[in-house]
N, C-alpha and C. Protein backbone atom coordinates (compact mmCIF):
# COMPACT_ATOMS: atom_id res chain seq x y z
N UNK A 1 90.04 94.77 139.29
CA UNK A 1 89.61 94.12 137.93
C UNK A 1 88.88 94.58 136.88
N UNK A 2 89.57 94.02 135.88
CA UNK A 2 89.21 94.90 134.56
C UNK A 2 88.05 94.56 134.06
N UNK A 3 87.19 94.95 132.85
CA UNK A 3 86.44 94.47 132.20
C UNK A 3 86.01 92.97 131.68
N UNK A 4 85.12 92.44 131.89
CA UNK A 4 84.99 91.18 131.56
C UNK A 4 85.15 90.84 129.65
N UNK A 5 85.21 89.49 129.49
CA UNK A 5 85.31 89.58 128.06
C UNK A 5 84.60 89.82 127.30
N UNK A 6 83.35 89.40 127.81
CA UNK A 6 81.37 90.13 126.95
C UNK A 6 81.02 91.27 127.10
N UNK A 7 82.39 92.22 128.06
CA UNK A 7 82.12 93.72 128.51
C UNK A 7 83.22 94.08 126.98
N UNK A 8 84.24 93.51 126.75
CA UNK A 8 85.52 94.21 126.07
C UNK A 8 84.68 93.65 124.80
N UNK A 9 83.82 92.31 124.16
CA UNK A 9 83.63 92.26 123.08
C UNK A 9 82.19 93.14 122.78
N UNK A 10 81.51 93.64 123.52
CA UNK A 10 80.46 94.64 123.44
C UNK A 10 81.10 95.86 122.83
N UNK A 11 82.01 95.88 123.67
CA UNK A 11 83.17 97.41 123.45
C UNK A 11 83.50 97.58 121.72
N UNK A 12 84.10 96.46 121.16
CA UNK A 12 85.00 96.66 120.58
C UNK A 12 83.88 96.20 119.20
N UNK A 13 82.70 95.77 119.24
CA UNK A 13 81.48 95.70 118.10
C UNK A 13 80.66 96.26 117.91
N UNK A 14 80.73 97.37 118.71
CA UNK A 14 79.94 98.40 119.00
C UNK A 14 80.10 99.66 118.19
N UNK A 15 79.77 100.20 117.18
CA UNK A 15 79.56 101.58 116.90
C UNK A 15 79.45 102.35 118.02
N UNK A 16 80.64 103.51 117.58
CA UNK A 16 81.59 104.45 118.44
C UNK A 16 81.72 105.72 117.81
N UNK A 17 80.49 106.72 117.97
CA UNK A 17 80.37 107.74 117.14
C UNK A 17 81.66 108.80 117.48
N UNK A 18 82.07 109.15 116.64
CA UNK A 18 83.13 110.16 116.69
C UNK A 18 83.02 111.21 118.22
N UNK A 19 83.66 111.25 118.86
CA UNK A 19 83.58 112.54 119.92
C UNK A 19 84.30 113.43 119.97
N UNK A 20 84.01 114.58 120.66
CA UNK A 20 84.45 115.99 120.72
C UNK A 20 86.60 116.26 120.69
N UNK A 21 86.53 116.16 119.97
CA UNK A 21 88.19 116.13 119.11
C UNK A 21 88.80 114.73 118.55
N UNK A 22 87.69 113.68 118.44
CA UNK A 22 88.26 112.54 117.52
C UNK A 22 88.72 112.62 116.15
N UNK A 23 88.39 113.50 116.04
CA UNK A 23 88.25 113.69 114.17
C UNK A 23 89.55 114.35 113.78
N UNK A 24 90.15 115.21 115.02
CA UNK A 24 91.58 115.71 114.48
C UNK A 24 92.71 114.40 114.95
N UNK A 25 92.51 113.49 116.12
CA UNK A 25 93.26 112.81 116.21
C UNK A 25 93.23 111.30 115.39
N UNK A 26 92.42 110.99 114.47
CA UNK A 26 92.21 110.48 113.84
C UNK A 26 92.66 110.56 112.63
N UNK A 27 92.86 112.34 111.97
CA UNK A 27 93.44 112.95 111.23
C UNK A 27 94.75 112.49 111.43
N UNK A 28 95.48 112.86 112.24
CA UNK A 28 97.24 113.21 112.80
C UNK A 28 97.19 112.19 112.52
N UNK A 29 97.09 110.87 113.01
CA UNK A 29 97.43 109.51 113.17
C UNK A 29 97.71 108.77 111.53
N UNK A 30 96.13 109.30 110.71
CA UNK A 30 96.37 108.79 109.50
C UNK A 30 97.47 109.88 108.46
N UNK A 31 97.99 111.07 109.01
CA UNK A 31 98.89 111.52 108.51
C UNK A 31 100.25 110.96 108.73
N UNK A 32 100.48 110.06 110.12
CA UNK A 32 101.57 109.95 110.41
C UNK A 32 101.58 109.14 109.80
N UNK A 33 101.22 108.11 109.62
CA UNK A 33 100.87 106.65 108.81
C UNK A 33 101.18 106.85 107.81
N UNK A 34 100.78 107.30 106.98
CA UNK A 34 100.81 107.84 105.74
C UNK A 34 102.64 108.07 105.33
N UNK A 35 103.09 109.74 106.36
CA UNK A 35 104.27 109.85 106.15
C UNK A 35 105.39 108.39 106.33
N UNK A 36 105.13 107.85 107.18
CA UNK A 36 105.86 106.58 107.38
C UNK A 36 105.49 105.63 106.60
N UNK A 37 104.55 105.43 105.83
CA UNK A 37 104.63 104.33 104.66
C UNK A 37 105.42 104.94 103.54
N UNK A 38 105.26 106.52 103.55
CA UNK A 38 105.87 107.09 102.32
C UNK A 38 107.39 106.73 102.16
N UNK A 39 108.30 107.19 103.49
CA UNK A 39 109.33 107.15 103.69
C UNK A 39 109.75 105.14 103.54
N UNK A 40 108.78 103.92 103.58
CA UNK A 40 109.39 103.02 103.20
C UNK A 40 109.61 102.95 101.87
N UNK A 41 108.09 103.58 101.14
CA UNK A 41 108.21 103.44 99.47
C UNK A 41 109.49 103.71 99.12
N UNK A 42 109.66 104.76 99.99
CA UNK A 42 111.00 105.69 99.07
C UNK A 42 112.15 104.95 99.45
N UNK A 43 112.33 104.51 100.91
CA UNK A 43 113.84 103.82 101.10
C UNK A 43 114.13 102.79 101.27
N UNK A 44 112.91 102.01 100.85
CA UNK A 44 112.99 100.08 100.97
C UNK A 44 112.78 99.70 99.48
N UNK A 45 113.60 98.66 99.19
CA UNK A 45 113.20 98.28 97.40
C UNK A 45 112.07 97.29 97.60
N UNK A 46 110.37 97.67 96.48
CA UNK A 46 110.02 96.61 96.52
C UNK A 46 110.03 95.29 96.32
N UNK A 47 108.92 94.55 96.94
CA UNK A 47 109.08 93.26 97.46
C UNK A 47 107.92 93.24 98.38
N UNK A 48 108.27 92.02 99.20
CA UNK A 48 107.08 91.36 99.64
C UNK A 48 107.32 91.77 101.09
N UNK A 49 108.51 92.16 101.66
CA UNK A 49 108.84 92.73 102.81
C UNK A 49 108.43 94.29 103.14
N UNK A 50 108.27 94.95 102.12
CA UNK A 50 107.69 96.30 101.89
C UNK A 50 106.49 96.56 101.48
N UNK A 51 105.88 95.27 101.32
CA UNK A 51 104.34 95.49 101.15
C UNK A 51 103.87 95.07 102.86
N UNK A 52 104.52 93.92 103.62
CA UNK A 52 104.04 94.03 104.97
C UNK A 52 104.80 95.04 105.53
N UNK A 53 105.50 95.42 105.53
CA UNK A 53 105.58 97.26 106.17
C UNK A 53 104.65 97.65 106.15
N UNK A 54 104.46 97.91 105.23
CA UNK A 54 103.27 98.70 104.91
C UNK A 54 101.78 98.61 105.38
N UNK A 55 101.98 97.51 105.61
CA UNK A 55 100.58 96.72 106.11
C UNK A 55 100.23 96.72 107.26
N UNK A 56 101.35 96.68 108.20
CA UNK A 56 101.95 96.86 109.68
C UNK A 56 101.44 98.48 109.82
N UNK A 57 101.62 99.23 109.22
CA UNK A 57 101.74 100.43 109.19
C UNK A 57 100.24 100.83 109.00
N UNK A 58 99.26 100.28 108.45
CA UNK A 58 98.38 100.55 107.83
C UNK A 58 97.54 99.73 109.51
N UNK A 59 97.53 98.61 110.10
CA UNK A 59 97.25 97.70 110.94
C UNK A 59 97.75 99.03 112.41
N UNK A 60 98.40 99.56 112.74
CA UNK A 60 98.93 100.16 113.05
C UNK A 60 98.03 101.55 113.24
N UNK A 61 97.50 101.83 112.65
CA UNK A 61 96.44 103.40 112.50
C UNK A 61 95.56 102.73 112.39
N UNK A 62 94.57 101.93 112.30
CA UNK A 62 93.55 100.81 112.70
C UNK A 62 93.34 100.94 113.80
N UNK A 63 94.23 100.26 114.51
CA UNK A 63 94.42 99.82 116.18
C UNK A 63 94.20 100.99 117.38
N UNK A 64 95.03 101.96 116.22
CA UNK A 64 95.68 103.15 117.12
C UNK A 64 93.76 103.82 116.97
N UNK A 65 93.16 104.07 115.97
CA UNK A 65 91.85 104.71 115.95
C UNK A 65 90.95 103.37 116.58
N UNK A 66 91.61 102.51 116.60
CA UNK A 66 90.29 101.61 117.73
C UNK A 66 90.45 101.87 119.47
N UNK A 67 91.84 102.44 119.58
CA UNK A 67 91.94 102.72 120.87
C UNK A 67 91.21 104.22 121.25
N UNK A 68 91.49 104.83 120.31
CA UNK A 68 89.93 106.41 120.43
C UNK A 68 88.70 106.09 120.37
N UNK A 69 88.28 105.34 119.70
CA UNK A 69 87.31 104.95 119.64
C UNK A 69 86.57 104.17 120.51
N UNK A 70 87.45 103.61 121.12
CA UNK A 70 86.82 102.67 122.38
C UNK A 70 87.40 102.68 123.27
N UNK A 71 88.10 104.11 123.13
CA UNK A 71 88.32 104.66 125.12
C UNK A 71 89.31 104.23 125.58
N UNK A 72 90.30 103.36 124.41
CA UNK A 72 91.57 102.30 125.21
C UNK A 72 90.85 101.08 125.88
N UNK A 73 89.84 100.65 125.47
CA UNK A 73 89.50 99.21 126.06
C UNK A 73 90.72 98.35 125.44
């Protein structure tokens, strides 16, 4: 059985200082996200869908960063 919801909330809403090697992982994710966002801007017309696509890339990077910080919870 996995962690309880209370344990998950405690983990998600607690500051997690970067561990060894985490900084490099965050940098790699940000660089990949930026490259993808740049491709979206270069290959799609400006508009609501382009903005939504970029927003989702940002959300994906933020969520991936949380996976690192929260150690996969």
